Amino acid sequence: MTNTPRTVSVNVLVSAPLEIDEPSWCTGDHPGHNFMQDITHNGSEVSARFETRHGPVDYLTAYITQAPYGEVLPEPYPRVAVEIAGDTRSLEPADVRSFTALTRAHLDILDRVADECERLRNLAGGEDR
């Protein structure tokens, strides 16, 4: 046995609040994060919705997102997340027309989300990303 001091790395989980920079576009909802690399900033969601005789259908949800502390794939600049429901729906002809009309309108919203994401990236110095 030796009395020489040495250094060792120990993984610990500290349960203390951590102050981080919050982008102005983030909704501020950060529940249940145990590690800094789990922190993700998410903006407000935009979705399209149309009504069928079986009830409403939400689709093409999109929002600005960023995981600046990610361990494997850090996202230093905002990105656009798009969720697409994988459900197959049998629709009436009128429902199909409603779906395509709302999809056209939502594509304009997605363009505005992309424009806002691009503006935020440019502010952060990521204009070539």
N, C-alpha and C. Protein backbone atom coordinates (compact mmCIF):
# COMPACT_ATOMS: atom_id res chain seq x y z
N MET A 1 0.85 -1.17 0.00
CA MET A 1 0.00 0.00 0.00
C MET A 1 0.90 1.23 0.00
N THR A 2 0.48 2.24 -0.80
CA THR A 2 1.26 3.46 -0.91
C THR A 2 0.49 4.65 -0.35
N ASN A 3 1.20 5.61 0.15
CA ASN A 3 0.58 6.83 0.68
C ASN A 3 0.67 7.99 -0.31
N THR A 4 1.02 7.70 -1.56
CA THR A 4 1.14 8.74 -2.58
C THR A 4 -0.25 9.20 -2.99
N PRO A 5 -0.50 10.53 -2.97
CA PRO A 5 -1.81 11.03 -3.40
C PRO A 5 -2.03 10.73 -4.88
N ARG A 6 -3.27 10.49 -5.24
CA ARG A 6 -3.61 10.25 -6.63
C ARG A 6 -4.96 10.88 -6.93
N THR A 7 -5.29 10.94 -8.20
CA THR A 7 -6.55 11.54 -8.64
C THR A 7 -7.41 10.45 -9.27
N VAL A 8 -8.70 10.55 -9.01
CA VAL A 8 -9.64 9.60 -9.59
C VAL A 8 -10.87 10.38 -10.08
N SER A 9 -11.44 9.93 -11.17
CA SER A 9 -12.68 10.55 -11.67
C SER A 9 -13.86 9.72 -11.20
N VAL A 10 -14.86 10.40 -10.63
CA VAL A 10 -16.03 9.72 -10.12
C VAL A 10 -17.27 10.39 -10.73
N ASN A 11 -18.14 9.59 -11.32
CA ASN A 11 -19.38 10.12 -11.86
C ASN A 11 -20.38 10.30 -10.71
N VAL A 12 -20.91 11.51 -10.58
CA VAL A 12 -21.88 11.78 -9.53
C VAL A 12 -23.08 12.50 -10.15
N LEU A 13 -24.21 12.34 -9.52
CA LEU A 13 -25.41 13.06 -9.92
C LEU A 13 -25.67 14.10 -8.85
N VAL A 14 -25.54 15.36 -9.23
CA VAL A 14 -25.74 16.45 -8.29
C VAL A 14 -27.15 16.97 -8.49
N SER A 15 -27.90 17.06 -7.42
CA SER A 15 -29.29 17.51 -7.53
C SER A 15 -29.41 18.96 -7.07
N ALA A 16 -28.71 19.82 -7.77
CA ALA A 16 -28.76 21.25 -7.49
C ALA A 16 -29.18 21.97 -8.77
N PRO A 17 -29.88 23.08 -8.65
CA PRO A 17 -30.28 23.82 -9.86
C PRO A 17 -29.04 24.29 -10.63
N LEU A 18 -29.18 24.31 -11.94
CA LEU A 18 -28.11 24.76 -12.82
C LEU A 18 -28.65 25.93 -13.62
N GLU A 19 -27.98 27.05 -13.60
CA GLU A 19 -28.40 28.21 -14.38
C GLU A 19 -27.73 28.15 -15.74
N ILE A 20 -28.56 28.25 -16.79
CA ILE A 20 -28.07 28.23 -18.17
C ILE A 20 -28.69 29.40 -18.92
N ASP A 21 -28.07 29.77 -20.04
CA ASP A 21 -28.64 30.80 -20.90
C ASP A 21 -29.87 30.23 -21.59
N GLU A 22 -30.95 31.01 -21.60
CA GLU A 22 -32.21 30.60 -22.20
C GLU A 22 -32.49 31.47 -23.42
N PRO A 23 -32.60 30.86 -24.62
CA PRO A 23 -32.94 31.67 -25.80
C PRO A 23 -34.32 32.31 -25.63
N SER A 24 -34.50 33.48 -26.18
CA SER A 24 -35.77 34.20 -26.03
C SER A 24 -36.94 33.43 -26.64
N TRP A 25 -36.70 32.58 -27.62
CA TRP A 25 -37.76 31.84 -28.29
C TRP A 25 -38.16 30.56 -27.57
N CYS A 26 -37.40 30.14 -26.57
CA CYS A 26 -37.69 28.89 -25.85
C CYS A 26 -38.91 29.06 -24.96
N THR A 27 -39.74 28.02 -24.89
CA THR A 27 -40.95 28.08 -24.06
C THR A 27 -40.62 27.95 -22.58
N GLY A 28 -39.38 27.56 -22.24
CA GLY A 28 -38.95 27.50 -20.85
C GLY A 28 -39.35 26.23 -20.12
N ASP A 29 -39.85 25.24 -20.82
CA ASP A 29 -40.27 23.98 -20.19
C ASP A 29 -39.11 22.99 -20.23
N HIS A 30 -38.50 22.73 -19.07
CA HIS A 30 -37.33 21.84 -18.99
C HIS A 30 -37.50 20.81 -17.86
N PRO A 31 -38.55 20.00 -17.91
CA PRO A 31 -38.77 19.06 -16.81
C PRO A 31 -37.88 17.82 -16.90
N GLY A 32 -37.51 17.30 -15.75
CA GLY A 32 -36.86 15.99 -15.65
C GLY A 32 -35.50 15.83 -16.27
N HIS A 33 -34.73 16.89 -16.40
CA HIS A 33 -33.38 16.74 -16.95
C HIS A 33 -32.41 16.44 -15.81
N ASN A 34 -31.72 15.29 -15.90
CA ASN A 34 -30.77 14.91 -14.87
C ASN A 34 -29.34 15.27 -15.26
N PHE A 35 -29.10 15.48 -16.54
CA PHE A 35 -27.76 15.76 -17.01
C PHE A 35 -27.79 16.96 -17.94
N MET A 36 -26.74 17.74 -17.94
CA MET A 36 -26.69 18.93 -18.77
C MET A 36 -26.89 18.59 -20.24
N GLN A 37 -26.34 17.48 -20.70
CA GLN A 37 -26.47 17.10 -22.12
C GLN A 37 -27.90 16.74 -22.50
N ASP A 38 -28.80 16.56 -21.50
CA ASP A 38 -30.21 16.27 -21.79
C ASP A 38 -31.02 17.54 -22.04
N ILE A 39 -30.46 18.69 -21.76
CA ILE A 39 -31.22 19.95 -21.86
C ILE A 39 -31.46 20.29 -23.33
N THR A 40 -32.72 20.49 -23.65
CA THR A 40 -33.13 20.88 -25.01
C THR A 40 -34.03 22.10 -24.91
N HIS A 41 -33.79 23.08 -25.73
CA HIS A 41 -34.64 24.26 -25.82
C HIS A 41 -35.64 24.02 -26.96
N ASN A 42 -36.91 24.22 -26.68
CA ASN A 42 -37.95 24.06 -27.70
C ASN A 42 -38.83 25.30 -27.75
N GLY A 43 -39.13 25.75 -28.96
CA GLY A 43 -40.03 26.88 -29.16
C GLY A 43 -41.47 26.43 -29.21
N SER A 44 -42.34 27.36 -29.45
CA SER A 44 -43.77 27.07 -29.55
C SER A 44 -44.04 26.20 -30.77
N GLU A 45 -44.96 25.26 -30.61
CA GLU A 45 -45.33 24.38 -31.70
C GLU A 45 -46.34 25.05 -32.62
N VAL A 46 -46.24 24.74 -33.90
CA VAL A 46 -47.27 25.09 -34.88
C VAL A 46 -47.74 23.79 -35.51
N SER A 47 -49.04 23.65 -35.63
CA SER A 47 -49.63 22.45 -36.21
C SER A 47 -50.79 22.82 -37.11
N ALA A 48 -51.09 21.95 -38.04
CA ALA A 48 -52.29 22.08 -38.86
C ALA A 48 -53.33 21.11 -38.28
N ARG A 49 -54.59 21.48 -38.39
CA ARG A 49 -55.67 20.63 -37.89
C ARG A 49 -56.83 20.68 -38.87
N PHE A 50 -57.40 19.53 -39.13
CA PHE A 50 -58.63 19.51 -39.92
C PHE A 50 -59.62 18.57 -39.27
N GLU A 51 -60.88 18.82 -39.52
CA GLU A 51 -61.96 18.06 -38.91
C GLU A 51 -62.46 16.99 -39.86
N THR A 52 -62.72 15.80 -39.33
CA THR A 52 -63.36 14.73 -40.09
C THR A 52 -64.60 14.30 -39.29
N ARG A 53 -65.39 13.45 -39.87
CA ARG A 53 -66.56 12.98 -39.12
C ARG A 53 -66.14 12.12 -37.93
N HIS A 54 -64.88 11.69 -37.91
CA HIS A 54 -64.36 10.88 -36.79
C HIS A 54 -63.61 11.73 -35.77
N GLY A 55 -63.59 13.03 -35.98
CA GLY A 55 -62.91 13.92 -35.05
C GLY A 55 -61.75 14.65 -35.71
N PRO A 56 -61.09 15.51 -34.93
CA PRO A 56 -60.00 16.32 -35.48
C PRO A 56 -58.73 15.50 -35.72
N VAL A 57 -57.96 15.93 -36.71
CA VAL A 57 -56.67 15.32 -37.02
C VAL A 57 -55.62 16.44 -37.01
N ASP A 58 -54.62 16.31 -36.14
CA ASP A 58 -53.49 17.24 -36.12
C ASP A 58 -52.36 16.62 -36.91
N TYR A 59 -51.66 17.44 -37.70
CA TYR A 59 -50.54 16.91 -38.48
C TYR A 59 -49.50 17.99 -38.73
N LEU A 60 -48.33 17.56 -39.15
CA LEU A 60 -47.22 18.44 -39.49
C LEU A 60 -46.90 19.46 -38.40
N THR A 61 -46.73 18.94 -37.19
CA THR A 61 -46.32 19.80 -36.08
C THR A 61 -44.85 20.15 -36.26
N ALA A 62 -44.52 21.42 -36.05
CA ALA A 62 -43.13 21.87 -36.20
C ALA A 62 -42.81 22.87 -35.10
N TYR A 63 -41.53 22.93 -34.74
CA TYR A 63 -41.07 23.89 -33.74
C TYR A 63 -39.57 24.04 -33.85
N ILE A 64 -39.07 25.18 -33.36
CA ILE A 64 -37.62 25.41 -33.33
C ILE A 64 -37.07 24.67 -32.12
N THR A 65 -35.93 24.01 -32.29
CA THR A 65 -35.33 23.23 -31.21
C THR A 65 -33.82 23.41 -31.21
N GLN A 66 -33.22 23.21 -30.04
CA GLN A 66 -31.77 23.29 -29.92
C GLN A 66 -31.33 22.49 -28.69
N ALA A 67 -30.30 21.67 -28.85
CA ALA A 67 -29.70 20.92 -27.75
C ALA A 67 -28.23 21.32 -27.68
N PRO A 68 -27.94 22.49 -27.09
CA PRO A 68 -26.59 23.04 -27.15
C PRO A 68 -25.54 22.25 -26.37
N TYR A 69 -25.97 21.42 -25.42
CA TYR A 69 -25.02 20.70 -24.58
C TYR A 69 -24.98 19.20 -24.90
N GLY A 70 -25.60 18.80 -26.01
CA GLY A 70 -25.65 17.39 -26.36
C GLY A 70 -24.27 16.76 -26.41
N GLU A 71 -24.17 15.56 -25.87
CA GLU A 71 -22.88 14.88 -25.81
C GLU A 71 -22.51 14.28 -27.15
N VAL A 72 -23.45 13.60 -27.80
CA VAL A 72 -23.16 12.93 -29.07
C VAL A 72 -23.32 13.88 -30.25
N LEU A 73 -24.48 14.58 -30.33
CA LEU A 73 -24.75 15.50 -31.43
C LEU A 73 -25.18 16.86 -30.89
N PRO A 74 -24.23 17.64 -30.38
CA PRO A 74 -24.63 18.95 -29.88
C PRO A 74 -25.16 19.82 -31.02
N GLU A 75 -26.15 20.64 -30.71
CA GLU A 75 -26.73 21.53 -31.69
C GLU A 75 -26.44 22.97 -31.26
N PRO A 76 -25.33 23.54 -31.71
CA PRO A 76 -24.99 24.90 -31.28
C PRO A 76 -25.92 25.96 -31.86
N TYR A 77 -26.63 25.63 -32.94
CA TYR A 77 -27.56 26.56 -33.57
C TYR A 77 -28.95 25.94 -33.62
N PRO A 78 -29.99 26.76 -33.59
CA PRO A 78 -31.36 26.22 -33.65
C PRO A 78 -31.61 25.43 -34.93
N ARG A 79 -32.53 24.47 -34.81
CA ARG A 79 -32.95 23.64 -35.94
C ARG A 79 -34.47 23.63 -35.95
N VAL A 80 -35.07 23.13 -37.01
CA VAL A 80 -36.52 22.98 -37.07
C VAL A 80 -36.85 21.50 -36.93
N ALA A 81 -37.67 21.17 -35.93
CA ALA A 81 -38.15 19.79 -35.76
C ALA A 81 -39.54 19.70 -36.37
N VAL A 82 -39.79 18.64 -37.17
CA VAL A 82 -41.10 18.42 -37.78
C VAL A 82 -41.55 17.02 -37.41
N GLU A 83 -42.71 16.94 -36.80
CA GLU A 83 -43.29 15.65 -36.44
C GLU A 83 -44.40 15.32 -37.43
N ILE A 84 -44.38 14.10 -37.96
CA ILE A 84 -45.39 13.67 -38.92
C ILE A 84 -46.04 12.41 -38.37
N ALA A 85 -47.35 12.47 -38.13
CA ALA A 85 -48.06 11.31 -37.60
C ALA A 85 -48.06 10.19 -38.64
N GLY A 86 -47.79 8.99 -38.19
CA GLY A 86 -47.73 7.86 -39.10
C GLY A 86 -49.05 7.14 -39.28
N ASP A 87 -50.13 7.72 -38.75
CA ASP A 87 -51.44 7.08 -38.86
C ASP A 87 -51.97 7.18 -40.28
N THR A 88 -52.59 6.12 -40.76
CA THR A 88 -53.27 6.13 -42.05
C THR A 88 -54.75 6.37 -41.79
N ARG A 89 -55.31 7.36 -42.44
CA ARG A 89 -56.71 7.72 -42.24
C ARG A 89 -57.49 7.49 -43.54
N SER A 90 -58.65 6.93 -43.41
CA SER A 90 -59.57 6.81 -44.55
C SER A 90 -60.47 8.03 -44.52
N LEU A 91 -60.42 8.84 -45.56
CA LEU A 91 -61.07 10.15 -45.55
C LEU A 91 -62.16 10.26 -46.62
N GLU A 92 -63.18 11.04 -46.31
CA GLU A 92 -64.21 11.41 -47.27
C GLU A 92 -63.59 12.38 -48.28
N PRO A 93 -64.15 12.47 -49.52
CA PRO A 93 -63.59 13.43 -50.48
C PRO A 93 -63.50 14.85 -49.91
N ALA A 94 -64.50 15.30 -49.18
CA ALA A 94 -64.47 16.64 -48.59
C ALA A 94 -63.33 16.76 -47.57
N ASP A 95 -63.07 15.67 -46.83
CA ASP A 95 -61.96 15.69 -45.87
C ASP A 95 -60.62 15.78 -46.58
N VAL A 96 -60.50 15.10 -47.74
CA VAL A 96 -59.26 15.19 -48.52
C VAL A 96 -59.03 16.62 -48.99
N ARG A 97 -60.09 17.27 -49.47
CA ARG A 97 -59.97 18.66 -49.92
C ARG A 97 -59.60 19.58 -48.76
N SER A 98 -60.19 19.33 -47.60
CA SER A 98 -59.84 20.10 -46.41
C SER A 98 -58.38 19.89 -46.04
N PHE A 99 -57.94 18.63 -46.11
CA PHE A 99 -56.56 18.29 -45.80
C PHE A 99 -55.58 19.01 -46.72
N THR A 100 -55.83 18.97 -48.03
CA THR A 100 -54.88 19.60 -48.96
C THR A 100 -54.89 21.12 -48.82
N ALA A 101 -56.08 21.71 -48.58
CA ALA A 101 -56.13 23.17 -48.40
C ALA A 101 -55.35 23.58 -47.14
N LEU A 102 -55.54 22.86 -46.05
CA LEU A 102 -54.82 23.20 -44.83
C LEU A 102 -53.33 22.91 -44.95
N THR A 103 -52.97 21.89 -45.70
CA THR A 103 -51.55 21.59 -45.90
C THR A 103 -50.86 22.73 -46.65
N ARG A 104 -51.53 23.26 -47.67
CA ARG A 104 -50.96 24.41 -48.40
C ARG A 104 -50.75 25.59 -47.46
N ALA A 105 -51.74 25.87 -46.61
CA ALA A 105 -51.62 26.99 -45.67
C ALA A 105 -50.50 26.72 -44.65
N HIS A 106 -50.39 25.50 -44.18
CA HIS A 106 -49.37 25.19 -43.17
C HIS A 106 -47.96 25.26 -43.76
N LEU A 107 -47.81 24.98 -45.03
CA LEU A 107 -46.49 25.09 -45.65
C LEU A 107 -45.97 26.52 -45.57
N ASP A 108 -46.85 27.50 -45.67
CA ASP A 108 -46.46 28.90 -45.48
C ASP A 108 -45.98 29.13 -44.05
N ILE A 109 -46.67 28.52 -43.08
CA ILE A 109 -46.26 28.65 -41.67
C ILE A 109 -44.88 28.02 -41.48
N LEU A 110 -44.66 26.85 -42.07
CA LEU A 110 -43.34 26.20 -41.96
C LEU A 110 -42.25 27.07 -42.56
N ASP A 111 -42.56 27.76 -43.67
CA ASP A 111 -41.59 28.69 -44.25
C ASP A 111 -41.26 29.80 -43.26
N ARG A 112 -42.27 30.32 -42.55
CA ARG A 112 -42.02 31.37 -41.55
C ARG A 112 -41.19 30.83 -40.39
N VAL A 113 -41.44 29.58 -39.96
CA VAL A 113 -40.63 28.97 -38.91
C VAL A 113 -39.18 28.84 -39.39
N ALA A 114 -39.00 28.41 -40.63
CA ALA A 114 -37.64 28.30 -41.19
C ALA A 114 -36.98 29.66 -41.28
N ASP A 115 -37.75 30.71 -41.68
CA ASP A 115 -37.20 32.06 -41.74
C ASP A 115 -36.74 32.51 -40.35
N GLU A 116 -37.57 32.24 -39.32
CA GLU A 116 -37.21 32.64 -37.95
C GLU A 116 -35.99 31.86 -37.47
N CYS A 117 -35.93 30.58 -37.78
CA CYS A 117 -34.77 29.77 -37.40
C CYS A 117 -33.51 30.30 -38.09
N GLU A 118 -33.62 30.64 -39.36
CA GLU A 118 -32.48 31.19 -40.10
C GLU A 118 -32.02 32.51 -39.49
N ARG A 119 -33.00 33.38 -39.12
CA ARG A 119 -32.66 34.65 -38.48
C ARG A 119 -31.92 34.41 -37.17
N LEU A 120 -32.40 33.45 -36.36
CA LEU A 120 -31.75 33.16 -35.07
C LEU A 120 -30.34 32.61 -35.29
N ARG A 121 -30.19 31.76 -36.30
CA ARG A 121 -28.86 31.22 -36.60
C ARG A 121 -27.91 32.33 -37.04
N ASN A 122 -28.42 33.25 -37.86
CA ASN A 122 -27.58 34.37 -38.31
C ASN A 122 -27.16 35.23 -37.14
N LEU A 123 -28.06 35.46 -36.19
CA LEU A 123 -27.70 36.24 -35.00
C LEU A 123 -26.61 35.55 -34.20
N ALA A 124 -26.63 34.21 -34.23
CA ALA A 124 -25.65 33.44 -33.46
C ALA A 124 -24.37 33.17 -34.24
N GLY A 125 -24.29 33.70 -35.46
CA GLY A 125 -23.08 33.50 -36.26
C GLY A 125 -23.09 32.23 -37.07
N GLY A 126 -24.24 31.63 -37.27
CA GLY A 126 -24.31 30.37 -38.00
C GLY A 126 -24.91 30.53 -39.38
N GLU A 127 -24.63 31.63 -40.07
CA GLU A 127 -25.25 31.90 -41.35
C GLU A 127 -24.90 30.89 -42.42
N ASP A 128 -23.81 30.17 -42.28
CA ASP A 128 -23.42 29.20 -43.31
C ASP A 128 -23.79 27.77 -42.92
N ARG A 129 -24.64 27.63 -41.92
CA ARG A 129 -25.02 26.29 -41.46
C ARG A 129 -26.37 25.92 -42.00
